[in-house]
Amino acid sequence: MNDLDKTFWLPNESNLGQLEILDLGANHLTGLDPQTLTKFPSLKHLLIERNMIESLPNELPETLQSLEVLWASHNRIKEIPHFLTAMKVL
């Protein structure tokens, strides 16, 4: 647990384009910043379990086209977003 708080974001100068696995599990995140997600074009695994996220950004399919695994259990998401079924690999 990193004890991150609120919405996950990174400064614009961050260069993480080759990152394939991002584990943000077991923090206090309430959301994911869509602009921040664009910094991870190669991301294949996004682990956001055990947070307080209520919804996933609608931009998720466009920004994370390489995504294969989304682990989002134990959050406050009440329904599965329709765009998850449209993603090619997930």
N, C-alpha and C. Protein backbone atom coordinates (compact mmCIF):
# COMPACT_ATOMS: atom_id res chain seq x y z
N MET A 1 0.84 -1.17 0.00
CA MET A 1 0.00 0.00 0.00
C MET A 1 0.88 1.24 0.00
N ASN A 2 0.63 2.12 -0.94
CA ASN A 2 1.39 3.36 -1.06
C ASN A 2 0.74 4.51 -0.33
N ASP A 3 -0.49 4.32 0.08
CA ASP A 3 -1.26 5.35 0.75
C ASP A 3 -1.47 6.58 -0.12
N LEU A 4 -1.65 6.32 -1.44
CA LEU A 4 -2.00 7.41 -2.36
C LEU A 4 -3.41 7.87 -2.02
N ASP A 5 -3.71 9.10 -2.34
CA ASP A 5 -5.01 9.67 -1.98
C ASP A 5 -5.63 10.36 -3.18
N LYS A 6 -6.92 10.26 -3.32
CA LYS A 6 -7.70 10.95 -4.35
C LYS A 6 -7.51 10.34 -5.74
N THR A 7 -7.35 11.17 -6.75
CA THR A 7 -7.23 10.72 -8.13
C THR A 7 -5.76 10.58 -8.51
N PHE A 8 -5.43 9.46 -9.16
CA PHE A 8 -4.06 9.22 -9.59
C PHE A 8 -3.73 10.08 -10.80
N TRP A 9 -2.61 10.80 -10.74
CA TRP A 9 -2.15 11.64 -11.84
C TRP A 9 -0.63 11.72 -11.79
N LEU A 10 -0.03 12.12 -12.90
CA LEU A 10 1.42 12.31 -13.00
C LEU A 10 1.71 13.65 -13.67
N PRO A 11 2.85 14.27 -13.37
CA PRO A 11 3.23 15.50 -14.07
C PRO A 11 3.39 15.25 -15.57
N ASN A 12 3.21 16.28 -16.36
CA ASN A 12 3.30 16.16 -17.82
C ASN A 12 4.65 15.66 -18.29
N GLU A 13 5.71 15.94 -17.57
CA GLU A 13 7.04 15.55 -18.04
C GLU A 13 7.37 14.09 -17.76
N SER A 14 6.48 13.35 -17.13
CA SER A 14 6.73 11.94 -16.85
C SER A 14 6.80 11.15 -18.15
N ASN A 15 7.83 10.29 -18.27
CA ASN A 15 8.01 9.48 -19.47
C ASN A 15 7.94 8.01 -19.09
N LEU A 16 6.75 7.45 -19.19
CA LEU A 16 6.54 6.06 -18.80
C LEU A 16 5.93 5.26 -19.95
N GLY A 17 6.27 5.61 -21.16
CA GLY A 17 5.66 5.02 -22.34
C GLY A 17 5.88 3.54 -22.52
N GLN A 18 6.92 2.98 -21.91
CA GLN A 18 7.20 1.56 -22.06
C GLN A 18 6.66 0.71 -20.92
N LEU A 19 6.07 1.34 -19.91
CA LEU A 19 5.56 0.62 -18.75
C LEU A 19 4.45 -0.33 -19.17
N GLU A 20 4.52 -1.59 -18.73
CA GLU A 20 3.52 -2.59 -19.09
C GLU A 20 2.63 -2.99 -17.92
N ILE A 21 3.10 -2.82 -16.69
CA ILE A 21 2.31 -3.19 -15.51
C ILE A 21 2.30 -2.02 -14.54
N LEU A 22 1.11 -1.61 -14.14
CA LEU A 22 0.97 -0.52 -13.16
C LEU A 22 0.08 -1.03 -12.04
N ASP A 23 0.66 -1.14 -10.84
CA ASP A 23 -0.07 -1.63 -9.68
C ASP A 23 -0.36 -0.47 -8.73
N LEU A 24 -1.61 -0.06 -8.70
CA LEU A 24 -2.06 1.00 -7.81
C LEU A 24 -3.01 0.46 -6.76
N GLY A 25 -2.96 -0.85 -6.54
CA GLY A 25 -3.86 -1.50 -5.61
C GLY A 25 -3.62 -1.09 -4.17
N ALA A 26 -4.67 -1.21 -3.38
CA ALA A 26 -4.65 -0.98 -1.94
C ALA A 26 -4.17 0.42 -1.57
N ASN A 27 -4.77 1.41 -2.17
CA ASN A 27 -4.52 2.81 -1.84
C ASN A 27 -5.86 3.45 -1.50
N HIS A 28 -5.94 4.73 -1.54
CA HIS A 28 -7.19 5.43 -1.26
C HIS A 28 -7.65 6.21 -2.49
N LEU A 29 -7.41 5.65 -3.67
CA LEU A 29 -7.77 6.35 -4.90
C LEU A 29 -9.28 6.39 -5.07
N THR A 30 -9.76 7.54 -5.51
CA THR A 30 -11.18 7.69 -5.80
C THR A 30 -11.44 7.74 -7.30
N GLY A 31 -10.39 7.83 -8.11
CA GLY A 31 -10.56 7.89 -9.55
C GLY A 31 -9.23 7.83 -10.28
N LEU A 32 -9.32 7.73 -11.60
CA LEU A 32 -8.16 7.73 -12.48
C LEU A 32 -8.28 8.91 -13.43
N ASP A 33 -7.24 9.70 -13.53
CA ASP A 33 -7.24 10.86 -14.42
C ASP A 33 -7.03 10.39 -15.86
N PRO A 34 -7.99 10.62 -16.76
CA PRO A 34 -7.85 10.18 -18.15
C PRO A 34 -6.59 10.71 -18.84
N GLN A 35 -6.21 11.95 -18.54
CA GLN A 35 -5.01 12.53 -19.15
C GLN A 35 -3.76 11.77 -18.71
N THR A 36 -3.72 11.35 -17.48
CA THR A 36 -2.58 10.58 -16.97
C THR A 36 -2.49 9.24 -17.68
N LEU A 37 -3.61 8.62 -17.97
CA LEU A 37 -3.60 7.32 -18.61
C LEU A 37 -2.96 7.36 -20.00
N THR A 38 -2.98 8.51 -20.65
CA THR A 38 -2.36 8.61 -21.98
C THR A 38 -0.85 8.46 -21.91
N LYS A 39 -0.26 8.54 -20.74
CA LYS A 39 1.20 8.39 -20.58
C LYS A 39 1.63 6.93 -20.62
N PHE A 40 0.68 6.00 -20.70
CA PHE A 40 0.98 4.58 -20.66
C PHE A 40 0.49 3.84 -21.90
N PRO A 41 0.98 4.16 -23.09
CA PRO A 41 0.46 3.52 -24.30
C PRO A 41 0.78 2.03 -24.39
N SER A 42 1.77 1.55 -23.67
CA SER A 42 2.15 0.13 -23.71
C SER A 42 1.58 -0.67 -22.54
N LEU A 43 0.77 -0.04 -21.70
CA LEU A 43 0.27 -0.69 -20.50
C LEU A 43 -0.60 -1.90 -20.83
N LYS A 44 -0.25 -3.05 -20.25
CA LYS A 44 -1.01 -4.28 -20.47
C LYS A 44 -1.78 -4.71 -19.23
N HIS A 45 -1.28 -4.37 -18.05
CA HIS A 45 -1.92 -4.76 -16.79
C HIS A 45 -2.13 -3.52 -15.93
N LEU A 46 -3.37 -3.24 -15.59
CA LEU A 46 -3.71 -2.14 -14.69
C LEU A 46 -4.38 -2.73 -13.46
N LEU A 47 -3.71 -2.63 -12.33
CA LEU A 47 -4.19 -3.21 -11.09
C LEU A 47 -4.63 -2.08 -10.16
N ILE A 48 -5.93 -1.94 -9.98
CA ILE A 48 -6.47 -0.85 -9.17
C ILE A 48 -7.40 -1.39 -8.09
N GLU A 49 -7.22 -2.64 -7.70
CA GLU A 49 -8.08 -3.27 -6.70
C GLU A 49 -7.88 -2.63 -5.33
N ARG A 50 -8.90 -2.78 -4.49
CA ARG A 50 -8.88 -2.30 -3.10
C ARG A 50 -8.64 -0.79 -2.98
N ASN A 51 -9.43 -0.02 -3.72
CA ASN A 51 -9.41 1.43 -3.63
C ASN A 51 -10.83 1.91 -3.36
N MET A 52 -11.13 3.15 -3.64
CA MET A 52 -12.47 3.69 -3.45
C MET A 52 -13.00 4.27 -4.77
N ILE A 53 -12.60 3.68 -5.87
CA ILE A 53 -12.98 4.16 -7.20
C ILE A 53 -14.46 3.86 -7.44
N GLU A 54 -15.20 4.87 -7.86
CA GLU A 54 -16.64 4.71 -8.10
C GLU A 54 -16.97 4.46 -9.56
N SER A 55 -16.10 4.90 -10.47
CA SER A 55 -16.34 4.66 -11.89
C SER A 55 -15.01 4.71 -12.64
N LEU A 56 -15.02 4.11 -13.81
CA LEU A 56 -13.84 4.12 -14.67
C LEU A 56 -14.02 5.18 -15.74
N PRO A 57 -12.94 5.84 -16.14
CA PRO A 57 -13.06 6.89 -17.16
C PRO A 57 -13.57 6.34 -18.49
N ASN A 58 -14.46 7.06 -19.12
CA ASN A 58 -14.97 6.65 -20.44
C ASN A 58 -13.87 6.58 -21.48
N GLU A 59 -12.78 7.29 -21.25
CA GLU A 59 -11.67 7.32 -22.21
C GLU A 59 -10.77 6.09 -22.12
N LEU A 60 -11.05 5.19 -21.20
CA LEU A 60 -10.18 4.04 -20.98
C LEU A 60 -9.87 3.24 -22.25
N PRO A 61 -10.86 2.89 -23.08
CA PRO A 61 -10.55 2.10 -24.28
C PRO A 61 -9.62 2.82 -25.27
N GLU A 62 -9.79 4.13 -25.42
CA GLU A 62 -8.97 4.88 -26.37
C GLU A 62 -7.55 5.09 -25.85
N THR A 63 -7.42 5.30 -24.55
CA THR A 63 -6.11 5.63 -23.99
C THR A 63 -5.27 4.41 -23.67
N LEU A 64 -5.89 3.29 -23.39
CA LEU A 64 -5.15 2.08 -23.04
C LEU A 64 -5.48 0.95 -24.02
N GLN A 65 -5.09 1.13 -25.25
CA GLN A 65 -5.43 0.17 -26.29
C GLN A 65 -4.70 -1.16 -26.16
N SER A 66 -3.60 -1.19 -25.42
CA SER A 66 -2.84 -2.43 -25.22
C SER A 66 -3.29 -3.20 -23.98
N LEU A 67 -4.25 -2.66 -23.24
CA LEU A 67 -4.66 -3.24 -21.98
C LEU A 67 -5.22 -4.65 -22.16
N GLU A 68 -4.68 -5.59 -21.39
CA GLU A 68 -5.13 -6.98 -21.42
C GLU A 68 -5.77 -7.40 -20.10
N VAL A 69 -5.30 -6.82 -18.99
CA VAL A 69 -5.80 -7.20 -17.67
C VAL A 69 -6.19 -5.94 -16.91
N LEU A 70 -7.41 -5.91 -16.42
CA LEU A 70 -7.88 -4.83 -15.55
C LEU A 70 -8.40 -5.49 -14.28
N TRP A 71 -7.69 -5.27 -13.18
CA TRP A 71 -8.07 -5.84 -11.89
C TRP A 71 -8.62 -4.71 -11.04
N ALA A 72 -9.94 -4.65 -10.92
CA ALA A 72 -10.59 -3.52 -10.26
C ALA A 72 -11.53 -3.97 -9.15
N SER A 73 -11.30 -5.13 -8.58
CA SER A 73 -12.18 -5.63 -7.53
C SER A 73 -12.03 -4.80 -6.25
N HIS A 74 -13.01 -4.92 -5.38
CA HIS A 74 -13.01 -4.25 -4.08
C HIS A 74 -12.89 -2.73 -4.20
N ASN A 75 -13.69 -2.16 -5.08
CA ASN A 75 -13.83 -0.72 -5.22
C ASN A 75 -15.30 -0.38 -4.99
N ARG A 76 -15.70 0.79 -5.36
CA ARG A 76 -17.10 1.22 -5.20
C ARG A 76 -17.82 1.29 -6.54
N ILE A 77 -17.33 0.56 -7.52
CA ILE A 77 -17.94 0.53 -8.85
C ILE A 77 -19.23 -0.28 -8.76
N LYS A 78 -20.34 0.33 -9.11
CA LYS A 78 -21.64 -0.31 -8.96
C LYS A 78 -22.08 -1.10 -10.20
N GLU A 79 -21.58 -0.71 -11.37
CA GLU A 79 -21.95 -1.45 -12.58
C GLU A 79 -20.76 -1.50 -13.53
N ILE A 80 -20.73 -2.55 -14.33
CA ILE A 80 -19.65 -2.71 -15.30
C ILE A 80 -19.91 -1.77 -16.47
N PRO A 81 -18.94 -0.90 -16.77
CA PRO A 81 -19.13 0.04 -17.88
C PRO A 81 -19.28 -0.71 -19.21
N HIS A 82 -20.19 -0.23 -20.05
CA HIS A 82 -20.46 -0.90 -21.32
C HIS A 82 -19.23 -0.95 -22.23
N PHE A 83 -18.33 0.03 -22.12
CA PHE A 83 -17.18 0.06 -23.02
C PHE A 83 -16.20 -1.09 -22.76
N LEU A 84 -16.25 -1.72 -21.59
CA LEU A 84 -15.34 -2.83 -21.32
C LEU A 84 -15.60 -4.00 -22.25
N THR A 85 -16.84 -4.22 -22.61
CA THR A 85 -17.15 -5.32 -23.52
C THR A 85 -16.72 -5.03 -24.95
N ALA A 86 -16.49 -3.77 -25.28
CA ALA A 86 -16.07 -3.38 -26.63
C ALA A 86 -14.55 -3.43 -26.81
N MET A 87 -13.82 -3.56 -25.71
CA MET A 87 -12.36 -3.57 -25.83
C MET A 87 -11.90 -4.88 -26.47
N LYS A 88 -10.96 -4.80 -27.39
CA LYS A 88 -10.58 -5.95 -28.22
C LYS A 88 -9.94 -7.09 -27.44
N VAL A 89 -9.06 -6.78 -26.52
CA VAL A 89 -8.28 -7.82 -25.87
C VAL A 89 -8.74 -8.11 -24.45
N LEU A 90 -9.21 -7.11 -23.76
CA LEU A 90 -9.55 -7.25 -22.35
C LEU A 90 -10.59 -8.32 -22.13
